Amino acid sequence: MEKGGGRVDIQVGDVLVMKKPHPGCGSTQMKVMRVGADFRLTCAGCGHSFMIPRSKCEKKIRSVIRNEQSAGGTDDR
């Protein structure tokens, strides 16, 4: 994760560990479903899906757990 206003490299399938827990279930892990100006995240604990602006989300991330498929760099479509 870059400091100083740099963009964080987040891909679909990554799991974000957030600084604060989800109010509904207490889980701090969110799976990335969509990437763009906004993120669509799904809570790993209760399955709740929501959209959040990229700028707001990047401030709330503690760490990123890479998906094995997205970390390889090759696309097998």
PDB file of N, CA and C in Angstrom:
ATOM      1  N   MET A   1       0.840  -1.171   0.000  1.00  0.00           N
ATOM      2  CA  MET A   1       0.000   0.000   0.000  1.00  0.00           C
ATOM      3  C   MET A   1       0.889   1.238   0.000  1.00  0.00           C
ATOM      4  N   GLU A   2       0.568   2.173  -0.877  1.00  0.00           N
ATOM      5  CA  GLU A   2       1.386   3.366  -0.997  1.00  0.00           C
ATOM      6  C   GLU A   2       0.866   4.456  -0.058  1.00  0.00           C
ATOM      7  N   LYS A   3       1.786   5.190   0.506  1.00  0.00           N
ATOM      8  CA  LYS A   3       1.414   6.317   1.353  1.00  0.00           C
ATOM      9  C   LYS A   3       1.584   7.609   0.552  1.00  0.00           C
ATOM     10  N   GLY A   4       0.980   8.677   1.020  1.00  0.00           N
ATOM     11  CA  GLY A   4       1.170   9.967   0.388  1.00  0.00           C
ATOM     12  C   GLY A   4       0.254  10.221  -0.800  1.00  0.00           C
ATOM     13  N   GLY A   5      -0.950   9.657  -0.786  1.00  0.00           N
ATOM     14  CA  GLY A   5      -1.915   9.958  -1.822  1.00  0.00           C
ATOM     15  C   GLY A   5      -1.823   9.088  -3.055  1.00  0.00           C
ATOM     16  N   GLY A   6      -0.924   8.097  -3.081  1.00  0.00           N
ATOM     17  CA  GLY A   6      -0.833   7.203  -4.229  1.00  0.00           C
ATOM     18  C   GLY A   6      -1.987   6.233  -4.264  1.00  0.00           C
ATOM     19  N   ARG A   7      -2.318   5.766  -5.468  1.00  0.00           N
ATOM     20  CA  ARG A   7      -3.413   4.813  -5.608  1.00  0.00           C
ATOM     21  C   ARG A   7      -2.942   3.428  -5.215  1.00  0.00           C
ATOM     22  N   VAL A   8      -3.794   2.699  -4.543  1.00  0.00           N
ATOM     23  CA  VAL A   8      -3.510   1.336  -4.119  1.00  0.00           C
ATOM     24  C   VAL A   8      -3.921   0.401  -5.253  1.00  0.00           C
ATOM     25  N   ASP A   9      -3.084  -0.580  -5.567  1.00  0.00           N
ATOM     26  CA  ASP A   9      -3.397  -1.540  -6.623  1.00  0.00           C
ATOM     27  C   ASP A   9      -4.315  -2.615  -6.061  1.00  0.00           C
ATOM     28  N   ILE A  10      -5.609  -2.476  -6.337  1.00  0.00           N
ATOM     29  CA  ILE A  10      -6.608  -3.424  -5.850  1.00  0.00           C
ATOM     30  C   ILE A  10      -7.292  -4.028  -7.058  1.00  0.00           C
ATOM     31  N   GLN A  11      -7.450  -5.349  -7.043  1.00  0.00           N
ATOM     32  CA  GLN A  11      -8.041  -6.058  -8.170  1.00  0.00           C
ATOM     33  C   GLN A  11      -9.258  -6.846  -7.701  1.00  0.00           C
ATOM     34  N   VAL A  12     -10.120  -7.195  -8.655  1.00  0.00           N
ATOM     35  CA  VAL A  12     -11.298  -8.005  -8.353  1.00  0.00           C
ATOM     36  C   VAL A  12     -10.829  -9.348  -7.782  1.00  0.00           C
ATOM     37  N   GLY A  13     -11.441  -9.772  -6.696  1.00  0.00           N
ATOM     38  CA  GLY A  13     -11.081 -11.025  -6.045  1.00  0.00           C
ATOM     39  C   GLY A  13     -10.185 -10.840  -4.829  1.00  0.00           C
ATOM     40  N   ASP A  14      -9.554  -9.674  -4.681  1.00  0.00           N
ATOM     41  CA  ASP A  14      -8.735  -9.404  -3.496  1.00  0.00           C
ATOM     42  C   ASP A  14      -9.626  -9.297  -2.272  1.00  0.00           C
ATOM     43  N   VAL A  15      -9.048  -9.562  -1.105  1.00  0.00           N
ATOM     44  CA  VAL A  15      -9.754  -9.395   0.158  1.00  0.00           C
ATOM     45  C   VAL A  15      -9.104  -8.228   0.889  1.00  0.00           C
ATOM     46  N   LEU A  16      -9.903  -7.244   1.265  1.00  0.00           N
ATOM     47  CA  LEU A  16      -9.411  -6.073   1.984  1.00  0.00           C
ATOM     48  C   LEU A  16      -9.643  -6.268   3.466  1.00  0.00           C
ATOM     49  N   VAL A  17      -8.624  -6.018   4.259  1.00  0.00           N
ATOM     50  CA  VAL A  17      -8.767  -6.016   5.714  1.00  0.00           C
ATOM     51  C   VAL A  17      -8.920  -4.550   6.110  1.00  0.00           C
ATOM     52  N   MET A  18     -10.076  -4.227   6.663  1.00  0.00           N
ATOM     53  CA  MET A  18     -10.409  -2.845   6.979  1.00  0.00           C
ATOM     54  C   MET A  18      -9.967  -2.477   8.393  1.00  0.00           C
ATOM     55  N   LYS A  19      -9.828  -1.176   8.643  1.00  0.00           N
ATOM     56  CA  LYS A  19      -9.411  -0.696   9.963  1.00  0.00           C
ATOM     57  C   LYS A  19     -10.509  -0.887  11.005  1.00  0.00           C
ATOM     58  N   LYS A  20     -11.767  -0.749  10.579  1.00  0.00           N
ATOM     59  CA  LYS A  20     -12.898  -0.900  11.507  1.00  0.00           C
ATOM     60  C   LYS A  20     -13.768  -2.071  11.066  1.00  0.00           C
ATOM     61  N   PRO A  21     -14.397  -2.757  11.999  1.00  0.00           N
ATOM     62  CA  PRO A  21     -15.255  -3.894  11.639  1.00  0.00           C
ATOM     63  C   PRO A  21     -16.578  -3.454  11.013  1.00  0.00           C
ATOM     64  N   HIS A  22     -17.169  -4.348  10.236  1.00  0.00           N
ATOM     65  CA  HIS A  22     -18.484  -4.110   9.643  1.00  0.00           C
ATOM     66  C   HIS A  22     -19.520  -4.046  10.770  1.00  0.00           C
ATOM     67  N   PRO A  23     -20.336  -3.009  10.801  1.00  0.00           N
ATOM     68  CA  PRO A  23     -21.289  -2.864  11.909  1.00  0.00           C
ATOM     69  C   PRO A  23     -22.309  -3.997  12.000  1.00  0.00           C
ATOM     70  N   GLY A  24     -22.619  -4.645  10.898  1.00  0.00           N
ATOM     71  CA  GLY A  24     -23.633  -5.698  10.901  1.00  0.00           C
ATOM     72  C   GLY A  24     -23.185  -6.987  11.561  1.00  0.00           C
ATOM     73  N   CYS A  25     -21.905  -7.370  11.346  1.00  0.00           N
ATOM     74  CA  CYS A  25     -21.481  -8.682  11.836  1.00  0.00           C
ATOM     75  C   CYS A  25     -20.128  -8.658  12.565  1.00  0.00           C
ATOM     76  N   GLY A  26     -19.376  -7.591  12.438  1.00  0.00           N
ATOM     77  CA  GLY A  26     -18.094  -7.503  13.138  1.00  0.00           C
ATOM     78  C   GLY A  26     -16.902  -7.988  12.339  1.00  0.00           C
ATOM     79  N   SER A  27     -17.101  -8.434  11.093  1.00  0.00           N
ATOM     80  CA  SER A  27     -15.990  -8.897  10.256  1.00  0.00           C
ATOM     81  C   SER A  27     -15.205  -7.696   9.728  1.00  0.00           C
ATOM     82  N   THR A  28     -13.893  -7.843   9.622  1.00  0.00           N
ATOM     83  CA  THR A  28     -13.060  -6.775   9.068  1.00  0.00           C
ATOM     84  C   THR A  28     -12.604  -7.093   7.647  1.00  0.00           C
ATOM     85  N   GLN A  29     -13.028  -8.231   7.087  1.00  0.00           N
ATOM     86  CA  GLN A  29     -12.598  -8.615   5.748  1.00  0.00           C
ATOM     87  C   GLN A  29     -13.711  -8.400   4.740  1.00  0.00           C
ATOM     88  N   MET A  30     -13.365  -7.742   3.623  1.00  0.00           N
ATOM     89  CA  MET A  30     -14.303  -7.448   2.547  1.00  0.00           C
ATOM     90  C   MET A  30     -13.713  -7.937   1.230  1.00  0.00           C
ATOM     91  N   LYS A  31     -14.499  -8.646   0.437  1.00  0.00           N
ATOM     92  CA  LYS A  31     -14.054  -9.138  -0.862  1.00  0.00           C
ATOM     93  C   LYS A  31     -14.412  -8.121  -1.940  1.00  0.00           C
ATOM     94  N   VAL A  32     -13.468  -7.847  -2.845  1.00  0.00           N
ATOM     95  CA  VAL A  32     -13.664  -6.880  -3.921  1.00  0.00           C
ATOM     96  C   VAL A  32     -14.392  -7.558  -5.074  1.00  0.00           C
ATOM     97  N   MET A  33     -15.556  -7.008  -5.446  1.00  0.00           N
ATOM     98  CA  MET A  33     -16.356  -7.552  -6.534  1.00  0.00           C
ATOM     99  C   MET A  33     -16.253  -6.704  -7.802  1.00  0.00           C
ATOM    100  N   ARG A  34     -15.995  -5.391  -7.646  1.00  0.00           N
ATOM    101  CA  ARG A  34     -15.908  -4.469  -8.775  1.00  0.00           C
ATOM    102  C   ARG A  34     -14.888  -3.395  -8.437  1.00  0.00           C
ATOM    103  N   VAL A  35     -14.122  -2.986  -9.454  1.00  0.00           N
ATOM    104  CA  VAL A  35     -13.106  -1.955  -9.275  1.00  0.00           C
ATOM    105  C   VAL A  35     -13.330  -0.867 -10.308  1.00  0.00           C
ATOM    106  N   GLY A  36     -13.156   0.381  -9.907  1.00  0.00           N
ATOM    107  CA  GLY A  36     -13.305   1.529 -10.805  1.00  0.00           C
ATOM    108  C   GLY A  36     -13.222   2.785  -9.963  1.00  0.00           C
ATOM    109  N   ALA A  37     -14.035   3.780 -10.280  1.00  0.00           N
ATOM    110  CA  ALA A  37     -14.114   4.978  -9.457  1.00  0.00           C
ATOM    111  C   ALA A  37     -14.704   4.635  -8.097  1.00  0.00           C
ATOM    112  N   ASP A  38     -15.541   3.571  -8.079  1.00  0.00           N
ATOM    113  CA  ASP A  38     -16.093   3.039  -6.833  1.00  0.00           C
ATOM    114  C   ASP A  38     -15.646   1.593  -6.726  1.00  0.00           C
ATOM    115  N   PHE A  39     -15.756   1.057  -5.530  1.00  0.00           N
ATOM    116  CA  PHE A  39     -15.563  -0.373  -5.304  1.00  0.00           C
ATOM    117  C   PHE A  39     -16.901  -0.977  -4.921  1.00  0.00           C
ATOM    118  N   ARG A  40     -17.194  -2.182  -5.400  1.00  0.00           N
ATOM    119  CA  ARG A  40     -18.299  -2.961  -4.851  1.00  0.00           C
ATOM    120  C   ARG A  40     -17.654  -3.997  -3.966  1.00  0.00           C
ATOM    121  N   LEU A  41     -17.952  -3.942  -2.681  1.00  0.00           N
ATOM    122  CA  LEU A  41     -17.389  -4.856  -1.701  1.00  0.00           C
ATOM    123  C   LEU A  41     -18.484  -5.763  -1.151  1.00  0.00           C
ATOM    124  N   THR A  42     -18.093  -6.974  -0.791  1.00  0.00           N
ATOM    125  CA  THR A  42     -18.995  -7.913  -0.136  1.00  0.00           C
ATOM    126  C   THR A  42     -18.353  -8.319   1.179  1.00  0.00           C
ATOM    127  N   CYS A  43     -19.097  -8.200   2.262  1.00  0.00           N
ATOM    128  CA  CYS A  43     -18.592  -8.563   3.580  1.00  0.00           C
ATOM    129  C   CYS A  43     -18.350 -10.072   3.628  1.00  0.00           C
ATOM    130  N   ALA A  44     -17.178 -10.472   4.119  1.00  0.00           N
ATOM    131  CA  ALA A  44     -16.845 -11.893   4.221  1.00  0.00           C
ATOM    132  C   ALA A  44     -17.627 -12.570   5.348  1.00  0.00           C
ATOM    133  N   GLY A  45     -18.123 -11.798   6.295  1.00  0.00           N
ATOM    134  CA  GLY A  45     -18.850 -12.368   7.425  1.00  0.00           C
ATOM    135  C   GLY A  45     -20.318 -12.626   7.142  1.00  0.00           C
ATOM    136  N   CYS A  46     -21.037 -11.611   6.628  1.00  0.00           N
ATOM    137  CA  CYS A  46     -22.486 -11.739   6.467  1.00  0.00           C
ATOM    138  C   CYS A  46     -22.945 -11.727   5.012  1.00  0.00           C
ATOM    139  N   GLY A  47     -22.053 -11.400   4.070  1.00  0.00           N
ATOM    140  CA  GLY A  47     -22.410 -11.413   2.662  1.00  0.00           C
ATOM    141  C   GLY A  47     -23.062 -10.136   2.155  1.00  0.00           C
ATOM    142  N   HIS A  48     -23.172  -9.114   2.996  1.00  0.00           N
ATOM    143  CA  HIS A  48     -23.766  -7.842   2.584  1.00  0.00           C
ATOM    144  C   HIS A  48     -22.887  -7.199   1.518  1.00  0.00           C
ATOM    145  N   SER A  49     -23.507  -6.724   0.433  1.00  0.00           N
ATOM    146  CA  SER A  49     -22.789  -6.104  -0.677  1.00  0.00           C
ATOM    147  C   SER A  49     -23.108  -4.614  -0.706  1.00  0.00           C
ATOM    148  N   PHE A  50     -22.082  -3.781  -0.955  1.00  0.00           N
ATOM    149  CA  PHE A  50     -22.286  -2.341  -0.980  1.00  0.00           C
ATOM    150  C   PHE A  50     -21.245  -1.669  -1.859  1.00  0.00           C
ATOM    151  N   MET A  51     -21.580  -0.457  -2.310  1.00  0.00           N
ATOM    152  CA  MET A  51     -20.661   0.351  -3.117  1.00  0.00           C
ATOM    153  C   MET A  51     -20.065   1.434  -2.225  1.00  0.00           C
ATOM    154  N   ILE A  52     -18.773   1.742  -2.478  1.00  0.00           N
ATOM    155  CA  ILE A  52     -18.098   2.784  -1.724  1.00  0.00           C
ATOM    156  C   ILE A  52     -17.130   3.494  -2.673  1.00  0.00           C
ATOM    157  N   PRO A  53     -17.043   4.825  -2.618  1.00  0.00           N
ATOM    158  CA  PRO A  53     -16.096   5.532  -3.481  1.00  0.00           C
ATOM    159  C   PRO A  53     -14.648   5.087  -3.205  1.00  0.00           C
ATOM    160  N   ARG A  54     -13.851   5.012  -4.271  1.00  0.00           N
ATOM    161  CA  ARG A  54     -12.456   4.566  -4.152  1.00  0.00           C
ATOM    162  C   ARG A  54     -11.684   5.398  -3.127  1.00  0.00           C
ATOM    163  N   SER A  55     -11.818   6.724  -3.180  1.00  0.00           N
ATOM    164  CA  SER A  55     -11.050   7.598  -2.283  1.00  0.00           C
ATOM    165  C   SER A  55     -11.378   7.326  -0.815  1.00  0.00           C
ATOM    166  N   LYS A  56     -12.644   7.091  -0.526  1.00  0.00           N
ATOM    167  CA  LYS A  56     -13.070   6.820   0.848  1.00  0.00           C
ATOM    168  C   LYS A  56     -12.594   5.439   1.305  1.00  0.00           C
ATOM    169  N   CYS A  57     -12.691   4.469   0.405  1.00  0.00           N
ATOM    170  CA  CYS A  57     -12.305   3.093   0.736  1.00  0.00           C
ATOM    171  C   CYS A  57     -10.799   2.980   1.001  1.00  0.00           C
ATOM    172  N   GLU A  58      -9.980   3.632   0.155  1.00  0.00           N
ATOM    173  CA  GLU A  58      -8.528   3.516   0.297  1.00  0.00           C
ATOM    174  C   GLU A  58      -8.037   4.029   1.649  1.00  0.00           C
ATOM    175  N   LYS A  59      -8.746   4.974   2.243  1.00  0.00           N
ATOM    176  CA  LYS A  59      -8.372   5.490   3.563  1.00  0.00           C
ATOM    177  C   LYS A  59      -8.682   4.492   4.677  1.00  0.00           C
ATOM    178  N   LYS A  60      -9.641   3.584   4.424  1.00  0.00           N
ATOM    179  CA  LYS A  60     -10.102   2.665   5.460  1.00  0.00           C
ATOM    180  C   LYS A  60      -9.416   1.300   5.419  1.00  0.00           C
ATOM    181  N   ILE A  61      -8.512   1.081   4.449  1.00  0.00           N
ATOM    182  CA  ILE A  61      -7.874  -0.224   4.279  1.00  0.00           C
ATOM    183  C   ILE A  61      -6.669  -0.359   5.199  1.00  0.00           C
ATOM    184  N   ARG A  62      -6.604  -1.476   5.913  1.00  0.00           N
ATOM    185  CA  ARG A  62      -5.435  -1.805   6.722  1.00  0.00           C
ATOM    186  C   ARG A  62      -4.435  -2.615   5.896  1.00  0.00           C
ATOM    187  N   SER A  63      -4.922  -3.636   5.177  1.00  0.00           N
ATOM    188  CA  SER A  63      -4.046  -4.439   4.320  1.00  0.00           C
ATOM    189  C   SER A  63      -4.863  -5.097   3.210  1.00  0.00           C
ATOM    190  N   VAL A  64      -4.148  -5.617   2.207  1.00  0.00           N
ATOM    191  CA  VAL A  64      -4.778  -6.286   1.073  1.00  0.00           C
ATOM    192  C   VAL A  64      -4.267  -7.716   1.020  1.00  0.00           C
ATOM    193  N   ILE A  65      -5.194  -8.672   0.958  1.00  0.00           N
ATOM    194  CA  ILE A  65      -4.841 -10.081   0.794  1.00  0.00           C
ATOM    195  C   ILE A  65      -5.096 -10.403  -0.668  1.00  0.00           C
ATOM    196  N   ARG A  66      -4.018 -10.698  -1.407  1.00  0.00           N
ATOM    197  CA  ARG A  66      -4.124 -10.957  -2.844  1.00  0.00           C
ATOM    198  C   ARG A  66      -4.772 -12.299  -3.132  1.00  0.00           C
ATOM    199  N   ASN A  67      -5.616 -12.307  -4.150  1.00  0.00           N
ATOM    200  CA  ASN A  67      -6.185 -13.538  -4.667  1.00  0.00           C
ATOM    201  C   ASN A  67      -5.099 -14.213  -5.494  1.00  0.00           C
ATOM    202  N   GLU A  68      -4.950 -15.530  -5.392  1.00  0.00           N
ATOM    203  CA  GLU A  68      -3.901 -16.244  -6.111  1.00  0.00           C
ATOM    204  C   GLU A  68      -4.040 -16.075  -7.616  1.00  0.00           C
ATOM    205  N   GLN A  69      -5.271 -16.047  -8.131  1.00  0.00           N
ATOM    206  CA  GLN A  69      -5.490 -15.917  -9.573  1.00  0.00           C
ATOM    207  C   GLN A  69      -5.100 -14.534 -10.077  1.00  0.00           C
ATOM    208  N   SER A  70      -5.406 -13.473  -9.307  1.00  0.00           N
ATOM    209  CA  SER A  70      -5.088 -12.118  -9.761  1.00  0.00           C
ATOM    210  C   SER A  70      -3.618 -11.781  -9.527  1.00  0.00           C
ATOM    211  N   ALA A  71      -2.928 -12.456  -8.624  1.00  0.00           N
ATOM    212  CA  ALA A  71      -1.527 -12.151  -8.329  1.00  0.00           C
ATOM    213  C   ALA A  71      -0.586 -12.706  -9.386  1.00  0.00           C
ATOM    214  N   GLY A  72      -1.027 -13.705 -10.173  1.00  0.00           N
ATOM    215  CA  GLY A  72      -0.168 -14.339 -11.159  1.00  0.00           C
ATOM    216  C   GLY A  72       0.216 -13.437 -12.310  1.00  0.00           C
ATOM    217  N   GLY A  73      -0.647 -12.482 -12.659  1.00  0.00           N
ATOM    218  CA  GLY A  73      -0.332 -11.555 -13.719  1.00  0.00           C
ATOM    219  C   GLY A  73      -0.745 -12.031 -15.099  1.00  0.00           C
ATOM    220  N   THR A  74      -1.069 -13.309 -15.274  1.00  0.00           N
ATOM    221  CA  THR A  74      -1.526 -13.808 -16.566  1.00  0.00           C
ATOM    222  C   THR A  74      -3.022 -14.060 -16.499  1.00  0.00           C
ATOM    223  N   ASP A  75      -3.667 -13.859 -17.630  1.00  0.00           N
ATOM    224  CA  ASP A  75      -5.112 -14.039 -17.695  1.00  0.00           C
ATOM    225  C   ASP A  75      -5.405 -15.209 -18.618  1.00  0.00           C
ATOM    226  N   ASP A  76      -6.043 -16.256 -18.122  1.00  0.00           N
ATOM    227  CA  ASP A  76      -6.283 -17.480 -18.878  1.00  0.00           C
ATOM    228  C   ASP A  76      -7.698 -17.525 -19.448  1.00  0.00           C
ATOM    229  N   ARG A  77      -8.152 -16.443 -20.079  1.00  0.00           N
ATOM    230  CA  ARG A  77      -9.503 -16.442 -20.655  1.00  0.00           C
ATOM    231  C   ARG A  77      -9.502 -17.021 -22.016  1.00  0.00           C
TER     232      ARG A  77
END
